[in-house]
């Protein structure tokens, strides 16, 4: 993946072919700059004032399932691929860049304050039930 590395979860799989990644069965991937699980190896591009680009094929992502792209604040033990939080949800700022299926699209931001990250977004945009011909 162009100098980046990631590992699939043991219960699922992900296929990497050049710049293309195909993710299966409720999998999640953290992009790394090398094959270690240290937070320092997390791929952290500078995106302020910039952009990200990706293509997603959603024609087989039916109702009840979503494909997602997320940006997470990387902090040791709190938001890594293997959080050290003994069962607690990670407490890190995040942006749901995309949660989508063939019927809808949603994006939202999850800010943190006073050490707690609220699951309810302060800024959300969604487009559901618009019909396949109007989607996008």
C-alpha atoms as a PDB file:
ATOM      1  CA  UNK A   1       0.000   0.000   0.000  1.00  0.00           C
ATOM      2  CA  UNK A   2       2.556   2.561  -1.156  1.00  0.00           C
ATOM      3  CA  UNK A   3       4.911   2.325   1.818  1.00  0.00           C
ATOM      4  CA  UNK A   4       2.165   1.830   4.402  1.00  0.00           C
ATOM      5  CA  UNK A   5       1.351  -1.330   6.306  1.00  0.00           C
ATOM      6  CA  UNK A   6      -1.722  -2.646   8.090  1.00  0.00           C
ATOM      7  CA  UNK A   7      -2.832  -5.910   9.640  1.00  0.00           C
ATOM      8  CA  UNK A   8      -6.249  -7.492   9.297  1.00  0.00           C
ATOM      9  CA  UNK A   9      -8.133  -8.647  12.372  1.00  0.00           C
ATOM     10  CA  UNK A  10      -7.814 -12.390  12.979  1.00  0.00           C
ATOM     11  CA  UNK A  11     -11.562 -12.999  12.463  1.00  0.00           C
ATOM     12  CA  UNK A  12     -11.653 -11.333   9.043  1.00  0.00           C
ATOM     13  CA  UNK A  13      -9.466 -10.411   6.087  1.00  0.00           C
ATOM     14  CA  UNK A  14      -8.305  -7.468   4.000  1.00  0.00           C
ATOM     15  CA  UNK A  15      -6.716  -7.680   0.552  1.00  0.00           C
ATOM     16  CA  UNK A  16      -4.089  -5.150  -0.545  1.00  0.00           C
ATOM     17  CA  UNK A  17      -3.365  -4.715  -4.270  1.00  0.00           C
ATOM     18  CA  UNK A  18      -1.365  -1.586  -5.104  1.00  0.00           C
ATOM     19  CA  UNK A  19      -3.362   1.415  -3.916  1.00  0.00           C
ATOM     20  CA  UNK A  20      -6.522  -0.696  -3.509  1.00  0.00           C
ATOM     21  CA  UNK A  21      -7.677  -2.160  -0.194  1.00  0.00           C
ATOM     22  CA  UNK A  22     -10.654  -4.481   0.038  1.00  0.00           C
ATOM     23  CA  UNK A  23     -11.948  -4.884   3.591  1.00  0.00           C
ATOM     24  CA  UNK A  24     -14.273  -7.754   4.573  1.00  0.00           C
ATOM     25  CA  UNK A  25     -16.556  -8.821   7.422  1.00  0.00           C
ATOM     26  CA  UNK A  26     -16.599  -6.119  10.095  1.00  0.00           C
ATOM     27  CA  UNK A  27     -12.857  -5.549   9.872  1.00  0.00           C
ATOM     28  CA  UNK A  28     -10.984  -2.374  10.802  1.00  0.00           C
ATOM     29  CA  UNK A  29      -7.498  -1.302   9.798  1.00  0.00           C
ATOM     30  CA  UNK A  30      -5.047   1.172  11.270  1.00  0.00           C
ATOM     31  CA  UNK A  31      -2.546   2.453   8.708  1.00  0.00           C
ATOM     32  CA  UNK A  32       1.051   2.189   9.940  1.00  0.00           C
ATOM     33  CA  UNK A  33       4.362   3.426   8.548  1.00  0.00           C
ATOM     34  CA  UNK A  34       6.066   0.200   9.677  1.00  0.00           C
ATOM     35  CA  UNK A  35       5.203  -3.257  11.054  1.00  0.00           C
ATOM     36  CA  UNK A  36       4.897  -2.436  14.731  1.00  0.00           C
ATOM     37  CA  UNK A  37       1.895  -1.758  16.917  1.00  0.00           C
ATOM     38  CA  UNK A  38       3.458   1.301  18.591  1.00  0.00           C
ATOM     39  CA  UNK A  39       1.347   4.445  18.328  1.00  0.00           C
ATOM     40  CA  UNK A  40       4.445   6.248  16.993  1.00  0.00           C
ATOM     41  CA  UNK A  41       4.176   4.063  13.860  1.00  0.00           C
ATOM     42  CA  UNK A  42       0.603   5.207  13.135  1.00  0.00           C
ATOM     43  CA  UNK A  43       0.320   6.952   9.779  1.00  0.00           C
ATOM     44  CA  UNK A  44      -0.538  10.559  10.621  1.00  0.00           C
ATOM     45  CA  UNK A  45      -0.713  12.758   7.525  1.00  0.00           C
ATOM     46  CA  UNK A  46      -1.078  16.487   8.028  1.00  0.00           C
ATOM     47  CA  UNK A  47      -4.551  17.198   6.650  1.00  0.00           C
ATOM     48  CA  UNK A  48      -5.348  20.645   8.060  1.00  0.00           C
ATOM     49  CA  UNK A  49      -6.030  22.793   5.031  1.00  0.00           C
ATOM     50  CA  UNK A  50      -5.634  19.732   2.805  1.00  0.00           C
ATOM     51  CA  UNK A  51      -7.776  16.882   1.619  1.00  0.00           C
ATOM     52  CA  UNK A  52      -8.072  13.118   1.430  1.00  0.00           C
ATOM     53  CA  UNK A  53      -9.304  11.166  -1.558  1.00  0.00           C
ATOM     54  CA  UNK A  54     -10.723   7.659  -1.772  1.00  0.00           C
ATOM     55  CA  UNK A  55     -13.114   5.631  -3.880  1.00  0.00           C
ATOM     56  CA  UNK A  56     -15.601   3.239  -2.300  1.00  0.00           C
ATOM     57  CA  UNK A  57     -17.734   0.551  -3.924  1.00  0.00           C
ATOM     58  CA  UNK A  58     -20.990   0.272  -1.989  1.00  0.00           C
ATOM     59  CA  UNK A  59     -23.240  -1.719  -4.337  1.00  0.00           C
ATOM     60  CA  UNK A  60     -22.926  -4.833  -2.130  1.00  0.00           C
ATOM     61  CA  UNK A  61     -23.198  -2.946   1.191  1.00  0.00           C
ATOM     62  CA  UNK A  62     -26.876  -3.445   1.939  1.00  0.00           C
ATOM     63  CA  UNK A  63     -29.216  -2.052   4.578  1.00  0.00           C
ATOM     64  CA  UNK A  64     -28.044  -2.770   8.131  1.00  0.00           C
ATOM     65  CA  UNK A  65     -24.350  -2.651   7.142  1.00  0.00           C
ATOM     66  CA  UNK A  66     -22.033   0.318   6.604  1.00  0.00           C
ATOM     67  CA  UNK A  67     -18.617   0.913   5.154  1.00  0.00           C
ATOM     68  CA  UNK A  68     -16.664   3.574   6.983  1.00  0.00           C
ATOM     69  CA  UNK A  69     -13.637   5.821   6.839  1.00  0.00           C
ATOM     70  CA  UNK A  70     -12.605   7.365  10.149  1.00  0.00           C
ATOM     71  CA  UNK A  71      -9.900   9.735  11.358  1.00  0.00           C
ATOM     72  CA  UNK A  72      -8.816   9.195  14.983  1.00  0.00           C
ATOM     73  CA  UNK A  73      -6.635  11.146  17.351  1.00  0.00           C
ATOM     74  CA  UNK A  74      -3.687   8.827  18.035  1.00  0.00           C
ATOM     75  CA  UNK A  75      -2.741   8.724  21.721  1.00  0.00           C
ATOM     76  CA  UNK A  76      -0.739   6.005  23.460  1.00  0.00           C
ATOM     77  CA  UNK A  77      -3.046   3.487  25.136  1.00  0.00           C
ATOM     78  CA  UNK A  78      -6.238   5.368  24.292  1.00  0.00           C
ATOM     79  CA  UNK A  79      -6.758   5.302  20.547  1.00  0.00           C
ATOM     80  CA  UNK A  80      -4.354   2.749  19.171  1.00  0.00           C
ATOM     81  CA  UNK A  81      -5.301  -0.482  17.448  1.00  0.00           C
ATOM     82  CA  UNK A  82      -4.872  -2.255  20.823  1.00  0.00           C
ATOM     83  CA  UNK A  83      -6.053   0.223  23.482  1.00  0.00           C
ATOM     84  CA  UNK A  84      -4.782  -0.333  27.018  1.00  0.00           C
ATOM     85  CA  UNK A  85      -8.123   0.721  28.486  1.00  0.00           C
ATOM     86  CA  UNK A  86      -9.256  -2.561  30.076  1.00  0.00           C
ATOM     87  CA  UNK A  87     -12.647  -2.678  28.412  1.00  0.00           C
ATOM     88  CA  UNK A  88     -13.405   1.058  28.316  1.00  0.00           C
ATOM     89  CA  UNK A  89     -14.245   2.746  25.042  1.00  0.00           C
ATOM     90  CA  UNK A  90     -11.336   4.754  23.610  1.00  0.00           C
ATOM     91  CA  UNK A  91     -11.510   8.397  24.648  1.00  0.00           C
ATOM     92  CA  UNK A  92     -10.156  10.220  21.609  1.00  0.00           C
ATOM     93  CA  UNK A  93     -11.433  12.821  19.205  1.00  0.00           C
ATOM     94  CA  UNK A  94     -12.578  11.374  15.898  1.00  0.00           C
ATOM     95  CA  UNK A  95     -14.226  12.245  12.630  1.00  0.00           C
ATOM     96  CA  UNK A  96     -16.519   9.834  10.839  1.00  0.00           C
ATOM     97  CA  UNK A  97     -15.423  10.897   7.348  1.00  0.00           C
ATOM     98  CA  UNK A  98     -17.897   8.434   5.896  1.00  0.00           C
ATOM     99  CA  UNK A  99     -20.405   5.876   7.128  1.00  0.00           C
ATOM    100  CA  UNK A 100     -22.344   4.684   4.110  1.00  0.00           C
ATOM    101  CA  UNK A 101     -24.191   1.903   2.380  1.00  0.00           C
ATOM    102  CA  UNK A 102     -26.056   1.800  -0.891  1.00  0.00           C
ATOM    103  CA  UNK A 103     -28.973   3.677   0.703  1.00  0.00           C
ATOM    104  CA  UNK A 104     -27.320   6.498   2.589  1.00  0.00           C
ATOM    105  CA  UNK A 105     -24.299   8.495   3.652  1.00  0.00           C
ATOM    106  CA  UNK A 106     -23.434  10.120   6.966  1.00  0.00           C
ATOM    107  CA  UNK A 107     -20.508  12.147   8.267  1.00  0.00           C
ATOM    108  CA  UNK A 108     -19.950  13.579  11.751  1.00  0.00           C
ATOM    109  CA  UNK A 109     -17.376  14.890  14.210  1.00  0.00           C
ATOM    110  CA  UNK A 110     -16.909  13.611  17.775  1.00  0.00           C
ATOM    111  CA  UNK A 111     -15.122  16.231  19.894  1.00  0.00           C
ATOM    112  CA  UNK A 112     -13.856  15.687  23.436  1.00  0.00           C
ATOM    113  CA  UNK A 113     -14.006  17.910  26.495  1.00  0.00           C
ATOM    114  CA  UNK A 114     -13.000  17.375  30.108  1.00  0.00           C
ATOM    115  CA  UNK A 115     -11.424  13.999  29.245  1.00  0.00           C
ATOM    116  CA  UNK A 116     -14.655  12.470  27.921  1.00  0.00           C
ATOM    117  CA  UNK A 117     -15.579  11.913  24.312  1.00  0.00           C
ATOM    118  CA  UNK A 118     -19.300  12.094  23.707  1.00  0.00           C
ATOM    119  CA  UNK A 119     -20.729   9.480  21.342  1.00  0.00           C
ATOM    120  CA  UNK A 120     -23.287  12.045  20.165  1.00  0.00           C
ATOM    121  CA  UNK A 121     -21.852  14.240  17.437  1.00  0.00           C
ATOM    122  CA  UNK A 122     -21.932  17.994  17.734  1.00  0.00           C
ATOM    123  CA  UNK A 123     -21.820  18.287  13.947  1.00  0.00           C
ATOM    124  CA  UNK A 124     -23.510  15.707  11.718  1.00  0.00           C
ATOM    125  CA  UNK A 125     -24.726  15.517   8.144  1.00  0.00           C
ATOM    126  CA  UNK A 126     -26.667  12.631   6.712  1.00  0.00           C
ATOM    127  CA  UNK A 127     -28.348  11.701   3.489  1.00  0.00           C
ATOM    128  CA  UNK A 128     -30.639   8.700   3.713  1.00  0.00           C
ATOM    129  CA  UNK A 129     -33.614   7.445   1.756  1.00  0.00           C
ATOM    130  CA  UNK A 130     -32.880   9.693  -1.208  1.00  0.00           C
ATOM    131  CA  UNK A 131     -33.133   6.877  -3.738  1.00  0.00           C
ATOM    132  CA  UNK A 132     -30.265   5.331  -5.660  1.00  0.00           C
ATOM    133  CA  UNK A 133     -30.595   7.783  -8.544  1.00  0.00           C
ATOM    134  CA  UNK A 134     -30.113  10.770  -6.184  1.00  0.00           C
ATOM    135  CA  UNK A 135     -27.353   9.344  -3.986  1.00  0.00           C
ATOM    136  CA  UNK A 136     -24.140  11.356  -4.125  1.00  0.00           C
END
